[in-house]
Each structure stands twice: as C-alpha cells, then as structure tokens.
Protein backbone atom coordinates (compact mmCIF):
# COMPACT_ATOMS: atom_id res chain seq x y z
CA MET A 1 16.70 -44.49 220.14
CA ASN A 2 17.64 -43.64 223.72
CA ASP A 3 18.54 -40.12 224.94
CA GLU A 4 22.27 -40.83 224.77
CA ALA A 5 22.00 -41.98 221.15
CA ALA A 6 19.90 -38.92 220.26
CA GLN A 7 22.63 -36.66 221.65
CA ARG A 8 25.25 -38.40 219.51
CA HIS A 9 23.04 -38.06 216.41
CA PRO A 10 21.53 -34.56 216.66
CA ARG A 11 20.33 -34.67 213.05
CA ASP A 12 18.00 -37.58 213.76
CA HIS A 13 14.58 -36.54 212.47
CA ARG A 14 12.95 -37.65 215.72
CA THR A 15 14.90 -35.12 217.78
CA ARG A 16 14.13 -32.06 215.65
CA PRO A 17 11.04 -29.93 215.76
CA PRO A 18 8.83 -30.41 212.68
CA LEU A 19 9.53 -28.15 209.73
CA GLY A 20 6.96 -26.32 207.66
CA ALA A 21 5.63 -27.80 204.46
CA ARG A 22 7.89 -27.94 201.44
CA ARG A 23 6.93 -27.26 197.86
CA MET A 24 8.29 -29.29 194.94
CA ALA A 25 8.91 -27.24 191.83
CA ALA A 26 9.75 -29.01 188.58
CA LEU A 27 12.97 -27.99 186.86
CA GLY A 28 13.63 -27.67 183.13
CA ARG A 29 16.28 -29.59 181.23
CA SER A 30 18.87 -26.79 181.08
CA GLU A 31 18.57 -26.01 184.81
CA CYS A 32 18.86 -29.73 185.64
CA LEU A 33 22.08 -30.05 183.62
CA LYS A 34 23.46 -26.87 185.17
CA LEU A 35 22.78 -28.15 188.70
CA LEU A 36 24.26 -31.53 187.84
CA ALA A 37 27.39 -29.80 186.53
CA GLY A 38 27.71 -28.00 189.88
CA VAL A 39 28.17 -31.13 191.99
CA PRO A 40 30.96 -33.68 191.72
CA LEU A 41 29.17 -36.85 192.85
CA GLY A 42 26.13 -38.81 191.73
CA ARG A 43 24.77 -42.33 191.52
CA VAL A 44 24.56 -44.40 188.37
CA VAL A 45 21.87 -47.08 188.15
CA PHE A 46 22.30 -49.93 185.68
CA THR A 47 21.49 -53.62 185.31
CA LYS A 48 23.91 -56.22 186.63
CA ASP A 49 23.00 -59.90 186.43
CA ALA A 50 19.39 -58.95 185.57
CA LEU A 51 19.06 -56.88 188.77
CA PRO A 52 19.36 -53.13 189.44
CA ALA A 53 22.80 -52.00 190.62
CA ILE A 54 23.74 -48.57 191.96
CA ARG A 55 27.24 -47.13 192.22
CA PRO A 56 28.33 -43.75 193.57
CA VAL A 57 30.68 -42.11 191.07
CA ASN A 58 32.20 -38.73 190.41
CA HIS A 59 31.31 -37.14 187.11
CA VAL A 60 31.66 -34.15 184.87
CA VAL A 61 29.08 -32.68 182.50
CA ALA A 62 30.65 -32.10 179.09
CA ASP A 63 29.24 -31.93 175.58
CA ASP A 64 25.69 -32.13 177.03
CA ALA A 65 26.47 -35.55 178.51
CA ILE A 66 27.51 -37.05 181.82
CA ILE A 67 31.05 -38.39 181.74
CA ILE A 68 32.28 -41.06 184.17
CA ARG A 69 35.72 -42.65 184.33
CA THR A 70 36.02 -46.17 185.64
CA HIS A 71 38.39 -49.12 185.65
CA GLU A 72 38.72 -52.30 183.64
CA GLY A 73 36.46 -54.98 185.06
CA ALA A 74 34.13 -52.57 186.88
CA ALA A 75 30.46 -53.59 186.78
CA LEU A 76 29.56 -50.39 184.92
CA THR A 77 32.31 -50.99 182.34
CA THR A 78 31.03 -54.50 181.74
CA ALA A 79 27.39 -53.37 181.58
CA THR A 80 28.09 -50.70 178.95
CA ALA A 81 30.39 -52.75 176.73
CA GLY A 82 27.54 -53.91 174.45
CA ALA A 83 28.67 -55.40 171.16
CA ASP A 84 26.19 -53.49 169.00
CA GLY A 85 27.22 -50.00 170.14
CA SER A 86 23.64 -48.89 170.87
CA GLY A 87 24.43 -48.42 174.53
CA THR A 88 22.89 -49.56 177.77
CA VAL A 89 19.96 -47.79 179.40
CA VAL A 90 20.99 -46.26 182.72
CA ALA A 91 19.73 -43.69 185.17
CA TYR A 92 21.95 -41.10 186.82
CA GLU A 93 20.92 -39.20 189.96
CA ALA A 94 22.52 -36.37 191.87
CA ASP A 95 21.14 -34.06 194.52
CA ALA A 96 21.91 -31.43 197.10
CA ILE A 97 19.29 -31.56 199.86
CA ASP A 98 20.05 -30.10 203.27
CA PRO A 99 19.23 -32.68 205.95
CA ASP A 100 18.27 -30.00 208.49
CA THR A 101 16.13 -27.65 206.40
CA HIS A 102 14.93 -30.20 203.81
CA LEU A 103 15.61 -27.64 201.08
CA GLY A 104 17.51 -28.35 197.89
CA TRP A 105 17.17 -30.15 194.59
CA SER A 106 17.35 -33.54 192.90
CA VAL A 107 18.00 -34.42 189.24
CA VAL A 108 17.53 -37.74 187.45
CA ILE A 109 18.87 -38.42 183.96
CA THR A 110 17.81 -41.46 181.97
CA GLY A 111 19.69 -42.28 178.82
CA TYR A 112 22.09 -44.52 176.98
CA ALA A 113 25.56 -45.18 178.39
CA ARG A 114 28.32 -46.05 175.95
CA PRO A 115 32.06 -46.50 176.22
CA VAL A 116 34.01 -43.52 174.89
CA THR A 117 36.41 -44.69 172.19
CA ASP A 118 37.44 -41.51 170.36
CA PRO A 119 41.11 -40.87 171.32
CA ASP A 120 40.71 -37.06 171.41
CA ASP A 121 37.64 -37.30 173.65
CA LEU A 122 39.42 -39.75 175.94
CA VAL A 123 42.33 -37.34 176.43
CA ARG A 124 40.02 -34.37 177.02
CA TYR A 125 37.81 -36.23 179.51
CA GLU A 126 40.86 -37.53 181.35
CA GLN A 127 41.95 -33.90 181.85
CA LEU A 128 38.46 -32.78 182.92
CA LEU A 129 37.71 -35.56 185.40
CA GLN A 130 40.06 -36.76 188.11
CA PRO A 131 38.78 -39.95 189.76
CA TRP A 132 38.44 -39.99 193.54
CA VAL A 133 39.54 -43.62 193.81
CA ASP A 134 43.24 -44.42 193.81
CA ALA A 135 43.12 -46.92 190.95
CA PRO A 136 43.94 -46.75 187.25
CA MET A 137 40.78 -45.46 185.59
CA THR A 138 41.32 -46.65 182.04
CA ARG A 139 37.70 -46.66 180.86
CA THR A 140 35.42 -43.73 180.16
CA VAL A 141 31.62 -43.91 179.91
CA ARG A 142 29.38 -41.27 178.36
CA ILE A 143 25.70 -41.01 179.31
CA ASP A 144 23.62 -39.20 176.70
CA PRO A 145 20.56 -37.76 178.46
CA GLU A 146 17.28 -38.76 176.83
CA LEU A 147 14.94 -38.00 179.72
CA VAL A 148 15.91 -35.24 182.16
CA THR A 149 13.77 -34.59 185.23
CA GLY A 150 14.35 -32.68 188.40
CA PHE A 151 12.75 -30.73 191.19
CA ARG A 152 13.65 -28.12 193.74
CA LEU A 153 12.35 -28.28 197.31
CA THR A 154 11.49 -24.80 198.54
CA GLU A 155 9.72 -23.44 201.58
CA GLN A 156 5.98 -23.36 201.28
CA LEU A 157 4.93 -19.74 201.49
CA PRO A 158 1.91 -18.93 203.64
CA ALA A 159 -1.35 -18.56 201.74
CA PRO A 160 -2.31 -14.94 201.02
CA GLY A 161 -4.08 -13.39 203.98
CA THR A 162 -2.69 -15.83 206.54
CA ALA A 163 -0.05 -15.09 209.12
CA ALA A 164 3.36 -16.69 208.77
CA PRO A 165 4.31 -19.04 211.62
CA GLU A 166 6.59 -17.52 214.20
C-alpha cells in the first residue's frame, strides 16, 4: 500500500502502532445469548449444494432461540425445509469487535434450524423482527442453540510487579 492509500484507509493495520496483548476470556451460555440479543446482525452458516454457505441476516433472540425472517426461495429457506422436521444443522455468529482497539466479543451458536409454522409464533416474530431488506419476508426460521460458545477480548493487564507501558 502506498502512502496515499494509507491516508485514505487510516484503519489499515499496517499504519497503526502495535497494540498490547489481548486476553481471550470464555463466556457462559447466558452471557452469550444476552450479547447476541444486543446486536441486530449476524451471519448464518449452512450447507448449500454440499458446500458451506454464509449469509448476513438480521435476527432477534426470543424464546431462547435465534429467529430469522427470510423470503420464499432463499437459500436458507430451502436448506431448512427438510421433510422430516428434524431441522438442519447450522452455525450462527455475531460479534462486536472494535477494529482500532481490538476489544470486544464474539459468539457462535450451533444448533438445528427449522421453519416456524405455528401461526401465533409467526405473528409474534413478525412483530419482533423487521427485515432490513425491502422484500416480502414470508418465511421464518428458528435456530435452537445446542452448542453456545463465545469469548471476550480484553486488555492484557501487566503482570504483578511490572510497570504498565506508557
């Protein structure tokens, strides 16, 4: 990257001074779900044509599950429309990590995604979650978390008896 490009992209990691070490602290299930509920956007990972596919989607956490609304014909709708009703294994990830300080958190949910079919749930989820895309979102998917993992990136504190960097 030349100097002119670095000035246009001041967040480029090559133009910043190095930061101190970061510590990764594991998060419990309830804190992960609370953090996930506090952000509107995540990424759902599923299988499409025998390969991994990732889609950014907005979500809401309700009834201890991740709720996504999508449209007829969407890859996620097709992937979760299994005939046996057991669901499709998916992963869901959301995070909030500051690009300048490298502090924040990340949560990954792995579980079964199923179409929501209960009429009362459909009405309630439609009221809770307004899609960002200007298209008729006529399908609703529920991800039931089986495996919930997460971590928080925090500043590494100096070891006892050592001076903090200035």
